[in-house]
C-alpha cells in the first residue's frame, strides 16, 4: 500500500512540473466543469424517451438490418 502512495506522489510532482503551480487551479476547475457537463448530458439522454430511429422506406432499424461483417454503409 505504501508503494501505491509513492506512485501518486511521483505523478503529482510530474503534473506540477509540467503544468506549473499557477495553472493547476484553472485546470482542475476546467476538468470539474467538463465532468459536470458530461454527467448532465448522460442523465438527460437516459431520461429522454426518444424512440429508436427507423429506416423511412422499410420501417426497420438500419443498424439491426446490417449483417455482421457487412462493411457497406447505408445512406
C-alpha atoms as a PDB file:
ATOM      1  CA  UNK A   1       0.000   0.000   0.000  1.00  0.00           C
ATOM      2  CA  UNK A   2       2.901   2.363   0.711  1.00  0.00           C
ATOM      3  CA  UNK A   3       4.248   1.769  -2.776  1.00  0.00           C
ATOM      4  CA  UNK A   4       0.946   2.969  -4.259  1.00  0.00           C
ATOM      5  CA  UNK A   5       1.172   6.223  -2.299  1.00  0.00           C
ATOM      6  CA  UNK A   6       4.701   6.762  -3.603  1.00  0.00           C
ATOM      7  CA  UNK A   7       3.432   6.429  -7.169  1.00  0.00           C
ATOM      8  CA  UNK A   8       0.785   9.095  -6.553  1.00  0.00           C
ATOM      9  CA  UNK A   9       3.415  11.475  -5.176  1.00  0.00           C
ATOM     10  CA  UNK A  10       5.583  10.958  -8.246  1.00  0.00           C
ATOM     11  CA  UNK A  11       2.612  11.578 -10.538  1.00  0.00           C
ATOM     12  CA  UNK A  12       1.682  14.723  -8.579  1.00  0.00           C
ATOM     13  CA  UNK A  13       5.230  16.090  -8.833  1.00  0.00           C
ATOM     14  CA  UNK A  14       5.321  15.417 -12.595  1.00  0.00           C
ATOM     15  CA  UNK A  15       1.981  17.188 -13.072  1.00  0.00           C
ATOM     16  CA  UNK A  16       3.175  20.217 -11.102  1.00  0.00           C
ATOM     17  CA  UNK A  17       6.376  20.357 -13.143  1.00  0.00           C
ATOM     18  CA  UNK A  18       4.535  20.041 -16.468  1.00  0.00           C
ATOM     19  CA  UNK A  19       1.682  22.462 -15.874  1.00  0.00           C
ATOM     20  CA  UNK A  20       3.158  24.734 -13.235  1.00  0.00           C
ATOM     21  CA  UNK A  21       1.547  25.513  -9.890  1.00  0.00           C
ATOM     22  CA  UNK A  22      -0.313  28.661 -11.040  1.00  0.00           C
ATOM     23  CA  UNK A  23      -2.169  26.791 -13.806  1.00  0.00           C
ATOM     24  CA  UNK A  24      -3.339  23.851 -11.661  1.00  0.00           C
ATOM     25  CA  UNK A  25      -6.458  25.540 -10.142  1.00  0.00           C
ATOM     26  CA  UNK A  26      -7.688  26.542 -13.604  1.00  0.00           C
ATOM     27  CA  UNK A  27      -7.001  23.030 -14.891  1.00  0.00           C
ATOM     28  CA  UNK A  28      -8.912  21.461 -12.000  1.00  0.00           C
ATOM     29  CA  UNK A  29     -11.833  23.884 -12.479  1.00  0.00           C
ATOM     30  CA  UNK A  30     -11.971  23.116 -16.194  1.00  0.00           C
ATOM     31  CA  UNK A  31     -11.948  19.363 -15.576  1.00  0.00           C
ATOM     32  CA  UNK A  32     -14.695  19.730 -12.960  1.00  0.00           C
ATOM     33  CA  UNK A  33     -16.892  21.714 -15.342  1.00  0.00           C
ATOM     34  CA  UNK A  34     -16.304  19.179 -18.102  1.00  0.00           C
ATOM     35  CA  UNK A  35     -17.296  16.296 -15.818  1.00  0.00           C
ATOM     36  CA  UNK A  36     -20.420  18.172 -14.691  1.00  0.00           C
ATOM     37  CA  UNK A  37     -21.493  18.787 -18.294  1.00  0.00           C
ATOM     38  CA  UNK A  38     -20.760  15.163 -19.200  1.00  0.00           C
ATOM     39  CA  UNK A  39     -22.851  13.840 -16.289  1.00  0.00           C
ATOM     40  CA  UNK A  40     -25.733  16.191 -17.148  1.00  0.00           C
ATOM     41  CA  UNK A  41     -25.699  15.045 -20.779  1.00  0.00           C
ATOM     42  CA  UNK A  42     -25.668  11.374 -19.759  1.00  0.00           C
ATOM     43  CA  UNK A  43     -28.574  11.977 -17.368  1.00  0.00           C
ATOM     44  CA  UNK A  44     -30.601  13.918 -19.949  1.00  0.00           C
ATOM     45  CA  UNK A  45     -30.054  11.177 -22.554  1.00  0.00           C
ATOM     46  CA  UNK A  46     -31.184   8.490 -20.100  1.00  0.00           C
ATOM     47  CA  UNK A  47     -34.299  10.473 -19.146  1.00  0.00           C
ATOM     48  CA  UNK A  48     -35.437  11.157 -22.705  1.00  0.00           C
ATOM     49  CA  UNK A  49     -37.952   8.743 -24.191  1.00  0.00           C
ATOM     50  CA  UNK A  50     -36.787   9.079 -27.774  1.00  0.00           C
ATOM     51  CA  UNK A  51     -37.837   6.079 -29.883  1.00  0.00           C
ATOM     52  CA  UNK A  52     -35.185   4.292 -31.891  1.00  0.00           C
ATOM     53  CA  UNK A  53     -34.595   5.694 -35.361  1.00  0.00           C
ATOM     54  CA  UNK A  54     -36.044   3.584 -38.159  1.00  0.00           C
ATOM     55  CA  UNK A  55     -35.385   3.497 -41.862  1.00  0.00           C
ATOM     56  CA  UNK A  56     -38.103   5.600 -43.517  1.00  0.00           C
ATOM     57  CA  UNK A  57     -38.501   3.343 -46.536  1.00  0.00           C
ATOM     58  CA  UNK A  58     -38.788  -0.058 -44.882  1.00  0.00           C
ATOM     59  CA  UNK A  59     -39.642   0.844 -41.288  1.00  0.00           C
ATOM     60  CA  UNK A  60     -36.805  -1.295 -39.946  1.00  0.00           C
ATOM     61  CA  UNK A  61     -33.867  -0.374 -37.799  1.00  0.00           C
ATOM     62  CA  UNK A  62     -30.978   0.320 -40.232  1.00  0.00           C
ATOM     63  CA  UNK A  63     -28.341  -0.834 -37.748  1.00  0.00           C
ATOM     64  CA  UNK A  64     -30.122  -4.086 -36.942  1.00  0.00           C
ATOM     65  CA  UNK A  65     -30.685  -4.847 -40.630  1.00  0.00           C
ATOM     66  CA  UNK A  66     -26.968  -4.960 -41.419  1.00  0.00           C
ATOM     67  CA  UNK A  67     -25.194  -8.273 -41.193  1.00  0.00           C
ATOM     68  CA  UNK A  68     -22.037  -8.767 -39.129  1.00  0.00           C
ATOM     69  CA  UNK A  69     -19.026  -8.263 -41.369  1.00  0.00           C
ATOM     70  CA  UNK A  70     -21.011  -6.118 -43.819  1.00  0.00           C
ATOM     71  CA  UNK A  71     -18.763  -3.141 -44.437  1.00  0.00           C
ATOM     72  CA  UNK A  72     -21.066  -1.300 -46.837  1.00  0.00           C
ATOM     73  CA  UNK A  73     -22.709   1.767 -45.424  1.00  0.00           C
ATOM     74  CA  UNK A  74     -26.349   2.565 -45.951  1.00  0.00           C
ATOM     75  CA  UNK A  75     -27.321   6.123 -46.971  1.00  0.00           C
END
